[in-house]
Amino acid sequence: MNNQDLQTLDQLIDQLISQNNQLKEQVLALKEQNQKLIDENETLQLEVLESEEKQKEFSSSLSGLLDKLQAQQVG
């Protein structure tokens, strides 16, 4: 291996190290983004559960009122 080959190899290694560092940064950024999306998803799922519970309560109350109205009409 001559001096020119060593210089070329050194340049290629530097490029690979640089690309590797960029990819590590991208992976870190994607992991952070993924965690934010997981957190947001969990929040939205909780909001849906709360909304479903409120809807059930409302439906139950409405059903009770309709029963009262029907009983009033029959009586």
PDB file of N, CA and C in Angstrom:
ATOM      1  N   MET A   1       0.852  -1.173   0.000  1.00  0.00           N
ATOM      2  CA  MET A   1       0.000   0.000   0.000  1.00  0.00           C
ATOM      3  C   MET A   1       0.899   1.237   0.000  1.00  0.00           C
ATOM      4  N   ASN A   2       0.668   2.117  -0.920  1.00  0.00           N
ATOM      5  CA  ASN A   2       1.513   3.313  -0.999  1.00  0.00           C
ATOM      6  C   ASN A   2       0.885   4.476  -0.232  1.00  0.00           C
ATOM      7  N   ASN A   3       1.573   5.581  -0.257  1.00  0.00           N
ATOM      8  CA  ASN A   3       1.153   6.764   0.504  1.00  0.00           C
ATOM      9  C   ASN A   3      -0.184   7.304   0.002  1.00  0.00           C
ATOM     10  N   GLN A   4      -0.395   7.292  -1.299  1.00  0.00           N
ATOM     11  CA  GLN A   4      -1.654   7.773  -1.891  1.00  0.00           C
ATOM     12  C   GLN A   4      -2.821   6.913  -1.418  1.00  0.00           C
ATOM     13  N   ASP A   5      -2.622   5.609  -1.384  1.00  0.00           N
ATOM     14  CA  ASP A   5      -3.674   4.700  -0.920  1.00  0.00           C
ATOM     15  C   ASP A   5      -4.018   4.963   0.537  1.00  0.00           C
ATOM     16  N   LEU A   6      -3.009   5.227   1.350  1.00  0.00           N
ATOM     17  CA  LEU A   6      -3.248   5.518   2.768  1.00  0.00           C
ATOM     18  C   LEU A   6      -4.031   6.817   2.945  1.00  0.00           C
ATOM     19  N   GLN A   7      -3.712   7.823   2.137  1.00  0.00           N
ATOM     20  CA  GLN A   7      -4.442   9.093   2.207  1.00  0.00           C
ATOM     21  C   GLN A   7      -5.897   8.899   1.800  1.00  0.00           C
ATOM     22  N   THR A   8      -6.111   8.135   0.751  1.00  0.00           N
ATOM     23  CA  THR A   8      -7.475   7.868   0.288  1.00  0.00           C
ATOM     24  C   THR A   8      -8.246   7.111   1.352  1.00  0.00           C
ATOM     25  N   LEU A   9      -7.600   6.110   1.937  1.00  0.00           N
ATOM     26  CA  LEU A   9      -8.239   5.331   2.999  1.00  0.00           C
ATOM     27  C   LEU A   9      -8.561   6.214   4.196  1.00  0.00           C
ATOM     28  N   ASP A  10      -7.661   7.102   4.542  1.00  0.00           N
ATOM     29  CA  ASP A  10      -7.877   8.018   5.656  1.00  0.00           C
ATOM     30  C   ASP A  10      -9.075   8.935   5.386  1.00  0.00           C
ATOM     31  N   GLN A  11      -9.184   9.428   4.153  1.00  0.00           N
ATOM     32  CA  GLN A  11     -10.309  10.287   3.784  1.00  0.00           C
ATOM     33  C   GLN A  11     -11.634   9.509   3.847  1.00  0.00           C
ATOM     34  N   LEU A  12     -11.614   8.285   3.358  1.00  0.00           N
ATOM     35  CA  LEU A  12     -12.825   7.470   3.394  1.00  0.00           C
ATOM     36  C   LEU A  12     -13.251   7.179   4.830  1.00  0.00           C
ATOM     37  N   ILE A  13     -12.290   6.909   5.671  1.00  0.00           N
ATOM     38  CA  ILE A  13     -12.606   6.652   7.085  1.00  0.00           C
ATOM     39  C   ILE A  13     -13.193   7.901   7.731  1.00  0.00           C
ATOM     40  N   ASP A  14     -12.622   9.057   7.429  1.00  0.00           N
ATOM     41  CA  ASP A  14     -13.163  10.318   7.967  1.00  0.00           C
ATOM     42  C   ASP A  14     -14.601  10.540   7.498  1.00  0.00           C
ATOM     43  N   GLN A  15     -14.856  10.236   6.227  1.00  0.00           N
ATOM     44  CA  GLN A  15     -16.213  10.383   5.700  1.00  0.00           C
ATOM     45  C   GLN A  15     -17.174   9.430   6.403  1.00  0.00           C
ATOM     46  N   LEU A  16     -16.740   8.203   6.610  1.00  0.00           N
ATOM     47  CA  LEU A  16     -17.588   7.223   7.298  1.00  0.00           C
ATOM     48  C   LEU A  16     -17.874   7.640   8.731  1.00  0.00           C
ATOM     49  N   ILE A  17     -16.882   8.156   9.408  1.00  0.00           N
ATOM     50  CA  ILE A  17     -17.076   8.620  10.791  1.00  0.00           C
ATOM     51  C   ILE A  17     -18.060   9.781  10.818  1.00  0.00           C
ATOM     52  N   SER A  18     -17.923  10.697   9.867  1.00  0.00           N
ATOM     53  CA  SER A  18     -18.832  11.839   9.786  1.00  0.00           C
ATOM     54  C   SER A  18     -20.263  11.379   9.509  1.00  0.00           C
ATOM     55  N   GLN A  19     -20.418  10.469   8.557  1.00  0.00           N
ATOM     56  CA  GLN A  19     -21.754   9.951   8.247  1.00  0.00           C
ATOM     57  C   GLN A  19     -22.344   9.216   9.440  1.00  0.00           C
ATOM     58  N   ASN A  20     -21.503   8.465  10.132  1.00  0.00           N
ATOM     59  CA  ASN A  20     -21.975   7.731  11.313  1.00  0.00           C
ATOM     60  C   ASN A  20     -22.467   8.690  12.392  1.00  0.00           C
ATOM     61  N   ASN A  21     -21.738   9.772  12.603  1.00  0.00           N
ATOM     62  CA  ASN A  21     -22.150  10.760  13.597  1.00  0.00           C
ATOM     63  C   ASN A  21     -23.465  11.422  13.213  1.00  0.00           C
ATOM     64  N   GLN A  22     -23.631  11.713  11.913  1.00  0.00           N
ATOM     65  CA  GLN A  22     -24.890  12.304  11.446  1.00  0.00           C
ATOM     66  C   GLN A  22     -26.044  11.333  11.659  1.00  0.00           C
ATOM     67  N   LEU A  23     -25.799  10.067  11.377  1.00  0.00           N
ATOM     68  CA  LEU A  23     -26.852   9.063  11.557  1.00  0.00           C
ATOM     69  C   LEU A  23     -27.199   8.891  13.037  1.00  0.00           C
ATOM     70  N   LYS A  24     -26.207   8.963  13.896  1.00  0.00           N
ATOM     71  CA  LYS A  24     -26.478   8.882  15.341  1.00  0.00           C
ATOM     72  C   LYS A  24     -27.364  10.040  15.786  1.00  0.00           C
ATOM     73  N   GLU A  25     -27.089  11.232  15.268  1.00  0.00           N
ATOM     74  CA  GLU A  25     -27.904  12.400  15.601  1.00  0.00           C
ATOM     75  C   GLU A  25     -29.336  12.221  15.095  1.00  0.00           C
ATOM     76  N   GLN A  26     -29.466  11.687  13.883  1.00  0.00           N
ATOM     77  CA  GLN A  26     -30.801  11.456  13.324  1.00  0.00           C
ATOM     78  C   GLN A  26     -31.563  10.428  14.151  1.00  0.00           C
ATOM     79  N   VAL A  27     -30.869   9.376  14.564  1.00  0.00           N
ATOM     80  CA  VAL A  27     -31.514   8.340  15.384  1.00  0.00           C
ATOM     81  C   VAL A  27     -31.989   8.949  16.695  1.00  0.00           C
ATOM     82  N   LEU A  28     -31.156   9.754  17.317  1.00  0.00           N
ATOM     83  CA  LEU A  28     -31.538  10.398  18.575  1.00  0.00           C
ATOM     84  C   LEU A  28     -32.764  11.294  18.381  1.00  0.00           C
ATOM     85  N   ALA A  29     -32.755  12.081  17.315  1.00  0.00           N
ATOM     86  CA  ALA A  29     -33.893  12.974  17.036  1.00  0.00           C
ATOM     87  C   ALA A  29     -35.163  12.159  16.789  1.00  0.00           C
ATOM     88  N   LEU A  30     -35.039  11.055  16.064  1.00  0.00           N
ATOM     89  CA  LEU A  30     -36.213  10.215  15.788  1.00  0.00           C
ATOM     90  C   LEU A  30     -36.716   9.542  17.065  1.00  0.00           C
ATOM     91  N   LYS A  31     -35.813   9.151  17.938  1.00  0.00           N
ATOM     92  CA  LYS A  31     -36.235   8.560  19.217  1.00  0.00           C
ATOM     93  C   LYS A  31     -36.997   9.581  20.055  1.00  0.00           C
ATOM     94  N   GLU A  32     -36.508  10.821  20.065  1.00  0.00           N
ATOM     95  CA  GLU A  32     -37.192  11.878  20.806  1.00  0.00           C
ATOM     96  C   GLU A  32     -38.575  12.142  20.215  1.00  0.00           C
ATOM     97  N   GLN A  33     -38.637  12.205  18.902  1.00  0.00           N
ATOM     98  CA  GLN A  33     -39.915  12.430  18.222  1.00  0.00           C
ATOM     99  C   GLN A  33     -40.869  11.273  18.503  1.00  0.00           C
ATOM    100  N   ASN A  34     -40.355  10.064  18.474  1.00  0.00           N
ATOM    101  CA  ASN A  34     -41.173   8.886  18.743  1.00  0.00           C
ATOM    102  C   ASN A  34     -41.739   8.937  20.160  1.00  0.00           C
ATOM    103  N   GLN A  35     -40.921   9.323  21.135  1.00  0.00           N
ATOM    104  CA  GLN A  35     -41.394   9.398  22.513  1.00  0.00           C
ATOM    105  C   GLN A  35     -42.479  10.463  22.666  1.00  0.00           C
ATOM    106  N   LYS A  36     -42.297  11.594  21.979  1.00  0.00           N
ATOM    107  CA  LYS A  36     -43.318  12.647  22.022  1.00  0.00           C
ATOM    108  C   LYS A  36     -44.630  12.135  21.445  1.00  0.00           C
ATOM    109  N   LEU A  37     -44.547  11.396  20.338  1.00  0.00           N
ATOM    110  CA  LEU A  37     -45.759  10.858  19.717  1.00  0.00           C
ATOM    111  C   LEU A  37     -46.412   9.799  20.601  1.00  0.00           C
ATOM    112  N   ILE A  38     -45.608   9.003  21.276  1.00  0.00           N
ATOM    113  CA  ILE A  38     -46.155   8.008  22.212  1.00  0.00           C
ATOM    114  C   ILE A  38     -46.900   8.720  23.338  1.00  0.00           C
ATOM    115  N   ASP A  39     -46.287   9.758  23.889  1.00  0.00           N
ATOM    116  CA  ASP A  39     -46.923  10.525  24.959  1.00  0.00           C
ATOM    117  C   ASP A  39     -48.228  11.168  24.474  1.00  0.00           C
ATOM    118  N   GLU A  40     -48.180  11.744  23.285  1.00  0.00           N
ATOM    119  CA  GLU A  40     -49.381  12.383  22.727  1.00  0.00           C
ATOM    120  C   GLU A  40     -50.484  11.348  22.503  1.00  0.00           C
ATOM    121  N   ASN A  41     -50.094  10.182  22.026  1.00  0.00           N
ATOM    122  CA  ASN A  41     -51.059   9.114  21.787  1.00  0.00           C
ATOM    123  C   ASN A  41     -51.719   8.675  23.094  1.00  0.00           C
ATOM    124  N   GLU A  42     -50.915   8.532  24.141  1.00  0.00           N
ATOM    125  CA  GLU A  42     -51.470   8.141  25.435  1.00  0.00           C
ATOM    126  C   GLU A  42     -52.450   9.198  25.953  1.00  0.00           C
ATOM    127  N   THR A  43     -52.093  10.456  25.774  1.00  0.00           N
ATOM    128  CA  THR A  43     -52.971  11.547  26.195  1.00  0.00           C
ATOM    129  C   THR A  43     -54.291  11.498  25.439  1.00  0.00           C
ATOM    130  N   LEU A  44     -54.200  11.301  24.130  1.00  0.00           N
ATOM    131  CA  LEU A  44     -55.420  11.238  23.318  1.00  0.00           C
ATOM    132  C   LEU A  44     -56.283  10.033  23.698  1.00  0.00           C
ATOM    133  N   GLN A  45     -55.646   8.909  23.996  1.00  0.00           N
ATOM    134  CA  GLN A  45     -56.408   7.733  24.406  1.00  0.00           C
ATOM    135  C   GLN A  45     -57.143   7.994  25.723  1.00  0.00           C
ATOM    136  N   LEU A  46     -56.484   8.673  26.656  1.00  0.00           N
ATOM    137  CA  LEU A  46     -57.145   9.022  27.915  1.00  0.00           C
ATOM    138  C   LEU A  46     -58.309   9.974  27.677  1.00  0.00           C
ATOM    139  N   GLU A  47     -58.122  10.926  26.780  1.00  0.00           N
ATOM    140  CA  GLU A  47     -59.199  11.861  26.470  1.00  0.00           C
ATOM    141  C   GLU A  47     -60.388  11.131  25.863  1.00  0.00           C
ATOM    142  N   VAL A  48     -60.124  10.151  25.018  1.00  0.00           N
ATOM    143  CA  VAL A  48     -61.208   9.370  24.412  1.00  0.00           C
ATOM    144  C   VAL A  48     -61.957   8.595  25.492  1.00  0.00           C
ATOM    145  N   LEU A  49     -61.214   7.979  26.402  1.00  0.00           N
ATOM    146  CA  LEU A  49     -61.868   7.229  27.485  1.00  0.00           C
ATOM    147  C   LEU A  49     -62.743   8.143  28.338  1.00  0.00           C
ATOM    148  N   GLU A  50     -62.219   9.329  28.660  1.00  0.00           N
ATOM    149  CA  GLU A  50     -62.991  10.282  29.449  1.00  0.00           C
ATOM    150  C   GLU A  50     -64.243  10.721  28.689  1.00  0.00           C
ATOM    151  N   SER A  51     -64.083  10.956  27.411  1.00  0.00           N
ATOM    152  CA  SER A  51     -65.214  11.373  26.591  1.00  0.00           C
ATOM    153  C   SER A  51     -66.271  10.270  26.523  1.00  0.00           C
ATOM    154  N   GLU A  52     -65.832   9.032  26.371  1.00  0.00           N
ATOM    155  CA  GLU A  52     -66.778   7.911  26.336  1.00  0.00           C
ATOM    156  C   GLU A  52     -67.516   7.788  27.670  1.00  0.00           C
ATOM    157  N   GLU A  53     -66.812   8.005  28.760  1.00  0.00           N
ATOM    158  CA  GLU A  53     -67.447   7.929  30.079  1.00  0.00           C
ATOM    159  C   GLU A  53     -68.493   9.032  30.237  1.00  0.00           C
ATOM    160  N   LYS A  54     -68.151  10.245  29.808  1.00  0.00           N
ATOM    161  CA  LYS A  54     -69.109  11.348  29.876  1.00  0.00           C
ATOM    162  C   LYS A  54     -70.318  11.067  28.996  1.00  0.00           C
ATOM    163  N   GLN A  55     -70.067  10.476  27.824  1.00  0.00           N
ATOM    164  CA  GLN A  55     -71.168  10.162  26.918  1.00  0.00           C
ATOM    165  C   GLN A  55     -72.090   9.112  27.548  1.00  0.00           C
ATOM    166  N   LYS A  56     -71.517   8.137  28.237  1.00  0.00           N
ATOM    167  CA  LYS A  56     -72.329   7.118  28.909  1.00  0.00           C
ATOM    168  C   LYS A  56     -73.172   7.753  30.015  1.00  0.00           C
ATOM    169  N   GLU A  57     -72.556   8.660  30.777  1.00  0.00           N
ATOM    170  CA  GLU A  57     -73.289   9.337  31.840  1.00  0.00           C
ATOM    171  C   GLU A  57     -74.435  10.164  31.261  1.00  0.00           C
ATOM    172  N   PHE A  58     -74.150  10.884  30.180  1.00  0.00           N
ATOM    173  CA  PHE A  58     -75.175  11.696  29.541  1.00  0.00           C
ATOM    174  C   PHE A  58     -76.304  10.816  29.014  1.00  0.00           C
ATOM    175  N   SER A  59     -75.932   9.711  28.384  1.00  0.00           N
ATOM    176  CA  SER A  59     -76.926   8.794  27.836  1.00  0.00           C
ATOM    177  C   SER A  59     -77.794   8.217  28.948  1.00  0.00           C
ATOM    178  N   SER A  60     -77.182   7.892  30.058  1.00  0.00           N
ATOM    179  CA  SER A  60     -77.926   7.352  31.192  1.00  0.00           C
ATOM    180  C   SER A  60     -78.897   8.389  31.751  1.00  0.00           C
ATOM    181  N   SER A  61     -78.411   9.625  31.888  1.00  0.00           N
ATOM    182  CA  SER A  61     -79.275  10.696  32.380  1.00  0.00           C
ATOM    183  C   SER A  61     -80.434  10.949  31.423  1.00  0.00           C
ATOM    184  N   LEU A  62     -80.146  10.985  30.154  1.00  0.00           N
ATOM    185  CA  LEU A  62     -81.176  11.210  29.148  1.00  0.00           C
ATOM    186  C   LEU A  62     -82.196  10.072  29.163  1.00  0.00           C
ATOM    187  N   SER A  63     -81.718   8.858  29.306  1.00  0.00           N
ATOM    188  CA  SER A  63     -82.615   7.714  29.367  1.00  0.00           C
ATOM    189  C   SER A  63     -83.531   7.810  30.585  1.00  0.00           C
ATOM    190  N   GLY A  64     -82.971   8.249  31.695  1.00  0.00           N
ATOM    191  CA  GLY A  64     -83.782   8.438  32.896  1.00  0.00           C
ATOM    192  C   GLY A  64     -84.854   9.488  32.700  1.00  0.00           C
ATOM    193  N   LEU A  65     -84.500  10.587  32.047  1.00  0.00           N
ATOM    194  CA  LEU A  65     -85.475  11.645  31.786  1.00  0.00           C
ATOM    195  C   LEU A  65     -86.584  11.150  30.845  1.00  0.00           C
ATOM    196  N   LEU A  66     -86.184  10.386  29.828  1.00  0.00           N
ATOM    197  CA  LEU A  66     -87.190   9.847  28.911  1.00  0.00           C
ATOM    198  C   LEU A  66     -88.126   8.876  29.625  1.00  0.00           C
ATOM    199  N   ASP A  67     -87.582   8.077  30.527  1.00  0.00           N
ATOM    200  CA  ASP A  67     -88.418   7.165  31.319  1.00  0.00           C
ATOM    201  C   ASP A  67     -89.429   7.946  32.156  1.00  0.00           C
ATOM    202  N   LYS A  68     -88.964   9.060  32.741  1.00  0.00           N
ATOM    203  CA  LYS A  68     -89.873   9.891  33.538  1.00  0.00           C
ATOM    204  C   LYS A  68     -90.995  10.443  32.663  1.00  0.00           C
ATOM    205  N   LEU A  69     -90.622  10.930  31.481  1.00  0.00           N
ATOM    206  CA  LEU A  69     -91.636  11.474  30.571  1.00  0.00           C
ATOM    207  C   LEU A  69     -92.638  10.412  30.156  1.00  0.00           C
ATOM    208  N   GLN A  70     -92.163   9.223  29.869  1.00  0.00           N
ATOM    209  CA  GLN A  70     -93.050   8.152  29.467  1.00  0.00           C
ATOM    210  C   GLN A  70     -93.980   7.740  30.608  1.00  0.00           C
ATOM    211  N   ALA A  71     -93.427   7.711  31.811  1.00  0.00           N
ATOM    212  CA  ALA A  71     -94.239   7.366  32.981  1.00  0.00           C
ATOM    213  C   ALA A  71     -95.302   8.433  33.212  1.00  0.00           C
ATOM    214  N   GLN A  72     -94.956   9.672  32.980  1.00  0.00           N
ATOM    215  CA  GLN A  72     -95.895  10.787  33.165  1.00  0.00           C
ATOM    216  C   GLN A  72     -97.042  10.677  32.165  1.00  0.00           C
ATOM    217  N   GLN A  73     -96.691  10.287  30.929  1.00  0.00           N
ATOM    218  CA  GLN A  73     -97.725  10.194  29.894  1.00  0.00           C
ATOM    219  C   GLN A  73     -98.677   9.027  30.164  1.00  0.00           C
ATOM    220  N   VAL A  74     -98.130   7.928  30.661  1.00  0.00           N
ATOM    221  CA  VAL A  74     -98.944   6.752  30.943  1.00  0.00           C
ATOM    222  C   VAL A  74     -99.857   7.022  32.147  1.00  0.00           C
ATOM    223  N   GLY A  75     -99.325   7.672  33.134  1.00  0.00           N
ATOM    224  CA  GLY A  75    -100.071   7.907  34.378  1.00  0.00           C
ATOM    225  C   GLY A  75    -101.025   9.002  34.273  1.00  0.00           C
TER     226      GLY A  75
END
